[in-house]
């Protein structure tokens, strides 16, 4: 049985007086790709923000590598191998692509290793190599998404959280982003993927969780959820 990297138990998160996440349980084991799907407003991004320490918990617990990470900031978690590509990408607009990637490695001081990893990112994303001296803010949404993923990989994460990586992208770019997610996973990075594109997310996933109105309503193997009539009716329009 693989080690449990992330264990979320009874998670509750509130915005003001509104309970956005109402007691959620799930886990991600080493070597898995786990997808968390659900419609807009289900509480997926709120859950990710709670995991990464950018929103406080109203209840429950979050364990990473067997230890509680409650109260830790994102900078603490990156040092422990937990990195997130946020919804909306969040690239440093007035820095070049190369500088953005260097920022992803800010916790490291192995210059040769950093240079080798930048080269590896350019191999995964040839388009970034072509534009390496371009300011990130002048790139298309899809290119910025590639950069945000590359930047997260520069910290050499044990667990990579991806929050809505395909949102707002053209169909061709969506194909490219999911291809990259699959490649990164194939290289041995454990991934928690939050995604509205349920069919694509479940097709890649070892396991999936369906989130509705702040609660987990279903869980199972990715391929089983993809074939489930209720999931197909609710999320695939069938």
C-alpha atoms as a PDB file:
ATOM      1  CA  UNK A   1       0.000   0.000   0.000  1.00  0.00           C
ATOM      2  CA  UNK A   2       1.476   3.352  -1.025  1.00  0.00           C
ATOM      3  CA  UNK A   3       2.137   6.026   1.584  1.00  0.00           C
ATOM      4  CA  UNK A   4      -0.673   8.546   2.119  1.00  0.00           C
ATOM      5  CA  UNK A   5       0.781  11.949   1.215  1.00  0.00           C
ATOM      6  CA  UNK A   6      -2.328  14.038   1.899  1.00  0.00           C
ATOM      7  CA  UNK A   7      -5.223  13.219   4.225  1.00  0.00           C
ATOM      8  CA  UNK A   8      -8.142  15.630   4.581  1.00  0.00           C
ATOM      9  CA  UNK A   9     -10.601  14.810   7.392  1.00  0.00           C
ATOM     10  CA  UNK A  10     -13.868  16.589   8.188  1.00  0.00           C
ATOM     11  CA  UNK A  11     -12.661  19.753   6.466  1.00  0.00           C
ATOM     12  CA  UNK A  12     -14.880  22.800   6.982  1.00  0.00           C
ATOM     13  CA  UNK A  13     -14.221  26.243   5.520  1.00  0.00           C
ATOM     14  CA  UNK A  14     -16.433  29.325   5.823  1.00  0.00           C
ATOM     15  CA  UNK A  15     -16.494  32.650   3.996  1.00  0.00           C
ATOM     16  CA  UNK A  16     -18.014  35.124   6.432  1.00  0.00           C
ATOM     17  CA  UNK A  17     -21.165  33.355   7.578  1.00  0.00           C
ATOM     18  CA  UNK A  18     -21.380  31.067   4.549  1.00  0.00           C
ATOM     19  CA  UNK A  19     -20.178  27.481   4.963  1.00  0.00           C
ATOM     20  CA  UNK A  20     -18.466  26.764   1.639  1.00  0.00           C
ATOM     21  CA  UNK A  21     -16.986  23.370   2.614  1.00  0.00           C
ATOM     22  CA  UNK A  22     -19.094  21.341   5.029  1.00  0.00           C
ATOM     23  CA  UNK A  23     -17.044  18.379   6.216  1.00  0.00           C
ATOM     24  CA  UNK A  24     -14.976  16.836   3.456  1.00  0.00           C
ATOM     25  CA  UNK A  25     -12.849  13.669   3.643  1.00  0.00           C
ATOM     26  CA  UNK A  26     -10.395  12.503   0.980  1.00  0.00           C
ATOM     27  CA  UNK A  27      -6.823  11.356   0.566  1.00  0.00           C
ATOM     28  CA  UNK A  28      -4.049  11.243  -2.008  1.00  0.00           C
ATOM     29  CA  UNK A  29      -1.537   8.400  -1.904  1.00  0.00           C
ATOM     30  CA  UNK A  30       1.980   8.506  -3.280  1.00  0.00           C
ATOM     31  CA  UNK A  31       2.111   7.825  -7.027  1.00  0.00           C
ATOM     32  CA  UNK A  32      -1.572   8.584  -7.660  1.00  0.00           C
ATOM     33  CA  UNK A  33      -3.358  11.060  -9.840  1.00  0.00           C
ATOM     34  CA  UNK A  34      -6.543  11.973  -7.969  1.00  0.00           C
ATOM     35  CA  UNK A  35      -9.216  14.174  -9.557  1.00  0.00           C
ATOM     36  CA  UNK A  36     -11.653  16.310  -7.581  1.00  0.00           C
ATOM     37  CA  UNK A  37     -14.521  17.256  -9.870  1.00  0.00           C
ATOM     38  CA  UNK A  38     -17.694  19.273  -9.413  1.00  0.00           C
ATOM     39  CA  UNK A  39     -19.604  22.183 -10.845  1.00  0.00           C
ATOM     40  CA  UNK A  40     -18.675  25.815 -10.340  1.00  0.00           C
ATOM     41  CA  UNK A  41     -19.273  26.815  -6.695  1.00  0.00           C
ATOM     42  CA  UNK A  42     -19.059  23.245  -5.333  1.00  0.00           C
ATOM     43  CA  UNK A  43     -16.186  24.209  -3.015  1.00  0.00           C
ATOM     44  CA  UNK A  44     -13.244  22.742  -4.943  1.00  0.00           C
ATOM     45  CA  UNK A  45     -11.020  25.836  -5.070  1.00  0.00           C
ATOM     46  CA  UNK A  46     -11.901  26.688  -1.451  1.00  0.00           C
ATOM     47  CA  UNK A  47     -10.690  23.208  -0.481  1.00  0.00           C
ATOM     48  CA  UNK A  48      -7.402  23.754  -2.331  1.00  0.00           C
ATOM     49  CA  UNK A  49      -6.888  27.130  -0.636  1.00  0.00           C
ATOM     50  CA  UNK A  50      -7.443  25.529   2.762  1.00  0.00           C
ATOM     51  CA  UNK A  51      -4.893  22.797   1.995  1.00  0.00           C
ATOM     52  CA  UNK A  52      -2.279  25.371   0.958  1.00  0.00           C
ATOM     53  CA  UNK A  53      -2.822  27.619   3.967  1.00  0.00           C
ATOM     54  CA  UNK A  54      -4.356  30.587   2.157  1.00  0.00           C
ATOM     55  CA  UNK A  55      -7.756  30.133   3.847  1.00  0.00           C
ATOM     56  CA  UNK A  56      -8.256  29.247   7.532  1.00  0.00           C
ATOM     57  CA  UNK A  57     -10.035  26.042   8.567  1.00  0.00           C
ATOM     58  CA  UNK A  58     -13.356  26.319  10.387  1.00  0.00           C
ATOM     59  CA  UNK A  59     -13.076  22.649  11.358  1.00  0.00           C
ATOM     60  CA  UNK A  60     -11.425  19.336  10.553  1.00  0.00           C
ATOM     61  CA  UNK A  61      -7.797  18.522   9.863  1.00  0.00           C
ATOM     62  CA  UNK A  62      -5.284  18.352   7.005  1.00  0.00           C
ATOM     63  CA  UNK A  63      -2.271  16.052   7.227  1.00  0.00           C
ATOM     64  CA  UNK A  64       0.641  16.010   4.806  1.00  0.00           C
ATOM     65  CA  UNK A  65       3.264  13.260   5.161  1.00  0.00           C
ATOM     66  CA  UNK A  66       1.501  12.132   8.331  1.00  0.00           C
ATOM     67  CA  UNK A  67       1.703  15.495  10.121  1.00  0.00           C
ATOM     68  CA  UNK A  68      -0.844  18.267  10.591  1.00  0.00           C
ATOM     69  CA  UNK A  69      -0.162  21.297   8.403  1.00  0.00           C
ATOM     70  CA  UNK A  70      -2.827  23.482  10.001  1.00  0.00           C
ATOM     71  CA  UNK A  71      -1.643  27.062  10.304  1.00  0.00           C
ATOM     72  CA  UNK A  72       1.320  26.667   7.963  1.00  0.00           C
ATOM     73  CA  UNK A  73       1.769  29.141   5.114  1.00  0.00           C
ATOM     74  CA  UNK A  74       2.246  28.228   1.453  1.00  0.00           C
ATOM     75  CA  UNK A  75       5.981  29.047   1.731  1.00  0.00           C
ATOM     76  CA  UNK A  76       6.342  26.420   4.514  1.00  0.00           C
ATOM     77  CA  UNK A  77       4.566  23.805   2.408  1.00  0.00           C
ATOM     78  CA  UNK A  78       6.671  24.381  -0.715  1.00  0.00           C
ATOM     79  CA  UNK A  79       9.781  23.585   1.356  1.00  0.00           C
ATOM     80  CA  UNK A  80       8.145  20.266   2.286  1.00  0.00           C
ATOM     81  CA  UNK A  81       7.387  19.356  -1.332  1.00  0.00           C
ATOM     82  CA  UNK A  82       3.779  20.540  -1.709  1.00  0.00           C
ATOM     83  CA  UNK A  83       3.267  23.005  -4.580  1.00  0.00           C
ATOM     84  CA  UNK A  84       0.136  24.404  -6.212  1.00  0.00           C
ATOM     85  CA  UNK A  85      -0.665  25.857  -9.622  1.00  0.00           C
ATOM     86  CA  UNK A  86      -3.491  28.229  -8.655  1.00  0.00           C
ATOM     87  CA  UNK A  87      -6.686  28.933 -10.526  1.00  0.00           C
ATOM     88  CA  UNK A  88      -6.001  31.968 -12.713  1.00  0.00           C
ATOM     89  CA  UNK A  89      -2.308  31.015 -13.040  1.00  0.00           C
ATOM     90  CA  UNK A  90      -0.786  33.928 -11.075  1.00  0.00           C
ATOM     91  CA  UNK A  91       2.389  34.363 -13.112  1.00  0.00           C
ATOM     92  CA  UNK A  92       4.731  37.273 -12.359  1.00  0.00           C
ATOM     93  CA  UNK A  93       3.609  39.457 -15.257  1.00  0.00           C
ATOM     94  CA  UNK A  94       6.567  41.846 -15.315  1.00  0.00           C
ATOM     95  CA  UNK A  95       9.210  39.123 -15.137  1.00  0.00           C
ATOM     96  CA  UNK A  96      10.441  37.074 -18.076  1.00  0.00           C
ATOM     97  CA  UNK A  97       9.606  33.406 -18.500  1.00  0.00           C
ATOM     98  CA  UNK A  98      13.098  32.428 -17.341  1.00  0.00           C
ATOM     99  CA  UNK A  99      12.811  34.670 -14.255  1.00  0.00           C
ATOM    100  CA  UNK A 100       9.415  33.136 -13.408  1.00  0.00           C
ATOM    101  CA  UNK A 101      10.958  29.663 -13.540  1.00  0.00           C
ATOM    102  CA  UNK A 102      13.840  30.803 -11.336  1.00  0.00           C
ATOM    103  CA  UNK A 103      11.284  32.094  -8.823  1.00  0.00           C
ATOM    104  CA  UNK A 104       9.800  28.600  -8.716  1.00  0.00           C
ATOM    105  CA  UNK A 105      13.177  27.370  -7.438  1.00  0.00           C
ATOM    106  CA  UNK A 106      13.586  30.046  -4.749  1.00  0.00           C
ATOM    107  CA  UNK A 107      13.903  27.434  -1.980  1.00  0.00           C
ATOM    108  CA  UNK A 108      16.854  25.808  -3.765  1.00  0.00           C
ATOM    109  CA  UNK A 109      20.485  26.880  -4.074  1.00  0.00           C
ATOM    110  CA  UNK A 110      21.851  24.153  -6.382  1.00  0.00           C
ATOM    111  CA  UNK A 111      22.616  26.327  -9.416  1.00  0.00           C
ATOM    112  CA  UNK A 112      23.480  23.434 -11.744  1.00  0.00           C
ATOM    113  CA  UNK A 113      20.334  21.541 -10.743  1.00  0.00           C
ATOM    114  CA  UNK A 114      18.166  24.631 -11.248  1.00  0.00           C
ATOM    115  CA  UNK A 115      19.641  25.209 -14.715  1.00  0.00           C
ATOM    116  CA  UNK A 116      19.050  21.533 -15.584  1.00  0.00           C
ATOM    117  CA  UNK A 117      15.446  21.737 -14.391  1.00  0.00           C
ATOM    118  CA  UNK A 118      14.791  24.905 -16.420  1.00  0.00           C
ATOM    119  CA  UNK A 119      16.071  22.969 -19.428  1.00  0.00           C
ATOM    120  CA  UNK A 120      13.721  20.107 -18.519  1.00  0.00           C
ATOM    121  CA  UNK A 121      10.750  22.517 -18.344  1.00  0.00           C
ATOM    122  CA  UNK A 122      11.727  23.890 -21.784  1.00  0.00           C
ATOM    123  CA  UNK A 123      11.719  20.310 -23.096  1.00  0.00           C
ATOM    124  CA  UNK A 124       8.193  19.742 -21.743  1.00  0.00           C
ATOM    125  CA  UNK A 125       7.043  23.166 -23.022  1.00  0.00           C
ATOM    126  CA  UNK A 126       8.985  24.043 -26.205  1.00  0.00           C
ATOM    127  CA  UNK A 127       6.857  27.179 -26.580  1.00  0.00           C
ATOM    128  CA  UNK A 128       8.353  28.569 -23.363  1.00  0.00           C
ATOM    129  CA  UNK A 129      11.865  28.104 -24.728  1.00  0.00           C
ATOM    130  CA  UNK A 130      10.934  30.126 -27.824  1.00  0.00           C
ATOM    131  CA  UNK A 131       9.743  32.957 -25.570  1.00  0.00           C
ATOM    132  CA  UNK A 132      12.164  32.605 -22.652  1.00  0.00           C
ATOM    133  CA  UNK A 133      13.084  36.325 -22.582  1.00  0.00           C
ATOM    134  CA  UNK A 134       9.487  37.536 -23.075  1.00  0.00           C
ATOM    135  CA  UNK A 135       7.563  39.154 -20.200  1.00  0.00           C
ATOM    136  CA  UNK A 136       5.055  36.653 -18.812  1.00  0.00           C
ATOM    137  CA  UNK A 137       2.224  39.202 -18.832  1.00  0.00           C
ATOM    138  CA  UNK A 138       2.369  39.483 -22.629  1.00  0.00           C
ATOM    139  CA  UNK A 139       1.692  35.776 -23.229  1.00  0.00           C
ATOM    140  CA  UNK A 140      -1.622  34.060 -24.022  1.00  0.00           C
ATOM    141  CA  UNK A 141      -3.630  32.349 -21.277  1.00  0.00           C
ATOM    142  CA  UNK A 142      -2.500  28.912 -22.409  1.00  0.00           C
ATOM    143  CA  UNK A 143       1.166  29.926 -22.424  1.00  0.00           C
ATOM    144  CA  UNK A 144       0.770  31.406 -18.950  1.00  0.00           C
ATOM    145  CA  UNK A 145      -0.763  28.120 -17.781  1.00  0.00           C
ATOM    146  CA  UNK A 146       2.265  26.244 -19.125  1.00  0.00           C
ATOM    147  CA  UNK A 147       4.534  28.688 -17.308  1.00  0.00           C
ATOM    148  CA  UNK A 148       2.630  28.337 -14.019  1.00  0.00           C
ATOM    149  CA  UNK A 149       2.962  24.541 -14.250  1.00  0.00           C
ATOM    150  CA  UNK A 150       6.641  24.780 -15.147  1.00  0.00           C
ATOM    151  CA  UNK A 151       7.263  27.177 -12.263  1.00  0.00           C
ATOM    152  CA  UNK A 152       5.619  24.764  -9.775  1.00  0.00           C
ATOM    153  CA  UNK A 153       7.744  21.882 -11.087  1.00  0.00           C
ATOM    154  CA  UNK A 154      10.901  23.902 -10.387  1.00  0.00           C
ATOM    155  CA  UNK A 155      10.420  23.287  -6.653  1.00  0.00           C
ATOM    156  CA  UNK A 156      10.606  19.510  -7.332  1.00  0.00           C
ATOM    157  CA  UNK A 157       7.277  18.791  -5.597  1.00  0.00           C
ATOM    158  CA  UNK A 158       6.317  15.455  -4.042  1.00  0.00           C
ATOM    159  CA  UNK A 159       2.670  16.492  -4.459  1.00  0.00           C
ATOM    160  CA  UNK A 160       1.470  18.882  -7.153  1.00  0.00           C
ATOM    161  CA  UNK A 161      -1.943  20.526  -6.763  1.00  0.00           C
ATOM    162  CA  UNK A 162      -3.517  21.750 -10.000  1.00  0.00           C
ATOM    163  CA  UNK A 163      -6.525  24.057  -9.649  1.00  0.00           C
ATOM    164  CA  UNK A 164      -8.642  24.290 -12.833  1.00  0.00           C
ATOM    165  CA  UNK A 165      -5.700  24.150 -15.292  1.00  0.00           C
ATOM    166  CA  UNK A 166      -7.949  24.072 -18.390  1.00  0.00           C
ATOM    167  CA  UNK A 167     -10.210  26.980 -17.412  1.00  0.00           C
ATOM    168  CA  UNK A 168     -10.672  29.598 -20.115  1.00  0.00           C
ATOM    169  CA  UNK A 169      -8.358  27.925 -22.621  1.00  0.00           C
ATOM    170  CA  UNK A 170      -8.959  27.114 -26.284  1.00  0.00           C
ATOM    171  CA  UNK A 171      -9.746  23.443 -27.114  1.00  0.00           C
ATOM    172  CA  UNK A 172      -6.264  22.956 -28.653  1.00  0.00           C
ATOM    173  CA  UNK A 173      -4.595  24.366 -25.534  1.00  0.00           C
ATOM    174  CA  UNK A 174      -6.813  22.221 -23.279  1.00  0.00           C
ATOM    175  CA  UNK A 175      -5.521  19.148 -25.153  1.00  0.00           C
ATOM    176  CA  UNK A 176      -1.937  20.311 -24.610  1.00  0.00           C
ATOM    177  CA  UNK A 177      -2.417  20.992 -20.892  1.00  0.00           C
ATOM    178  CA  UNK A 178      -3.950  17.560 -20.236  1.00  0.00           C
ATOM    179  CA  UNK A 179      -1.161  15.942 -22.240  1.00  0.00           C
ATOM    180  CA  UNK A 180       1.357  17.706 -19.995  1.00  0.00           C
ATOM    181  CA  UNK A 181      -0.498  16.661 -16.825  1.00  0.00           C
ATOM    182  CA  UNK A 182      -0.250  13.066 -18.041  1.00  0.00           C
ATOM    183  CA  UNK A 183       3.484  13.464 -18.813  1.00  0.00           C
ATOM    184  CA  UNK A 184       4.266  14.998 -15.413  1.00  0.00           C
ATOM    185  CA  UNK A 185       2.357  12.191 -13.703  1.00  0.00           C
ATOM    186  CA  UNK A 186       4.230   9.604 -15.796  1.00  0.00           C
ATOM    187  CA  UNK A 187       7.491  11.070 -14.477  1.00  0.00           C
ATOM    188  CA  UNK A 188       6.455  10.077 -10.956  1.00  0.00           C
ATOM    189  CA  UNK A 189       4.900  13.264  -9.566  1.00  0.00           C
ATOM    190  CA  UNK A 190       1.806  12.666  -7.429  1.00  0.00           C
ATOM    191  CA  UNK A 191      -1.035  14.971  -8.535  1.00  0.00           C
ATOM    192  CA  UNK A 192      -4.297  16.271  -7.078  1.00  0.00           C
ATOM    193  CA  UNK A 193      -6.252  17.727 -10.003  1.00  0.00           C
ATOM    194  CA  UNK A 194      -9.248  20.001  -9.412  1.00  0.00           C
ATOM    195  CA  UNK A 195     -11.130  20.411 -12.672  1.00  0.00           C
ATOM    196  CA  UNK A 196     -14.548  21.337 -14.078  1.00  0.00           C
ATOM    197  CA  UNK A 197     -13.806  19.332 -17.236  1.00  0.00           C
ATOM    198  CA  UNK A 198     -14.993  16.112 -15.609  1.00  0.00           C
ATOM    199  CA  UNK A 199     -14.532  13.759 -18.550  1.00  0.00           C
ATOM    200  CA  UNK A 200     -10.886  14.739 -19.116  1.00  0.00           C
ATOM    201  CA  UNK A 201     -10.051  14.748 -15.413  1.00  0.00           C
ATOM    202  CA  UNK A 202     -11.605  11.335 -14.704  1.00  0.00           C
ATOM    203  CA  UNK A 203     -10.067   9.776 -17.828  1.00  0.00           C
ATOM    204  CA  UNK A 204      -6.609  10.528 -16.355  1.00  0.00           C
ATOM    205  CA  UNK A 205      -7.384   9.745 -12.722  1.00  0.00           C
ATOM    206  CA  UNK A 206      -6.565   6.636 -10.704  1.00  0.00           C
ATOM    207  CA  UNK A 207      -9.291   7.748  -8.307  1.00  0.00           C
ATOM    208  CA  UNK A 208     -11.833  10.534  -8.293  1.00  0.00           C
ATOM    209  CA  UNK A 209     -14.042  12.404  -5.863  1.00  0.00           C
ATOM    210  CA  UNK A 210     -17.225  14.258  -6.848  1.00  0.00           C
ATOM    211  CA  UNK A 211     -17.931  17.407  -4.846  1.00  0.00           C
ATOM    212  CA  UNK A 212     -21.392  18.974  -4.593  1.00  0.00           C
ATOM    213  CA  UNK A 213     -22.429  21.927  -2.410  1.00  0.00           C
ATOM    214  CA  UNK A 214     -19.410  21.639  -0.133  1.00  0.00           C
ATOM    215  CA  UNK A 215     -19.615  17.860   0.372  1.00  0.00           C
ATOM    216  CA  UNK A 216     -18.142  14.763  -1.295  1.00  0.00           C
ATOM    217  CA  UNK A 217     -21.091  12.981  -2.909  1.00  0.00           C
ATOM    218  CA  UNK A 218     -19.305  10.114  -4.706  1.00  0.00           C
ATOM    219  CA  UNK A 219     -15.891   8.506  -4.889  1.00  0.00           C
ATOM    220  CA  UNK A 220     -14.348   5.663  -6.857  1.00  0.00           C
ATOM    221  CA  UNK A 221     -11.853   4.682  -9.540  1.00  0.00           C
ATOM    222  CA  UNK A 222     -11.632   7.324 -12.258  1.00  0.00           C
ATOM    223  CA  UNK A 223     -12.881   4.972 -14.977  1.00  0.00           C
ATOM    224  CA  UNK A 224     -15.811   3.805 -12.799  1.00  0.00           C
ATOM    225  CA  UNK A 225     -16.966   7.361 -12.115  1.00  0.00           C
ATOM    226  CA  UNK A 226     -16.585   8.189 -15.803  1.00  0.00           C
ATOM    227  CA  UNK A 227     -18.967   5.328 -16.622  1.00  0.00           C
ATOM    228  CA  UNK A 228     -21.448   6.125 -13.825  1.00  0.00           C
ATOM    229  CA  UNK A 229     -24.830   7.278 -15.208  1.00  0.00           C
ATOM    230  CA  UNK A 230     -25.309   9.868 -12.437  1.00  0.00           C
ATOM    231  CA  UNK A 231     -21.907  11.441 -13.126  1.00  0.00           C
ATOM    232  CA  UNK A 232     -22.537  11.355 -16.866  1.00  0.00           C
ATOM    233  CA  UNK A 233     -25.919  13.040 -16.468  1.00  0.00           C
ATOM    234  CA  UNK A 234     -24.665  15.728 -14.072  1.00  0.00           C
ATOM    235  CA  UNK A 235     -21.271  16.578 -15.554  1.00  0.00           C
ATOM    236  CA  UNK A 236     -21.087  15.223 -19.079  1.00  0.00           C
ATOM    237  CA  UNK A 237     -24.512  16.314 -20.281  1.00  0.00           C
ATOM    238  CA  UNK A 238     -25.699  12.809 -21.097  1.00  0.00           C
END
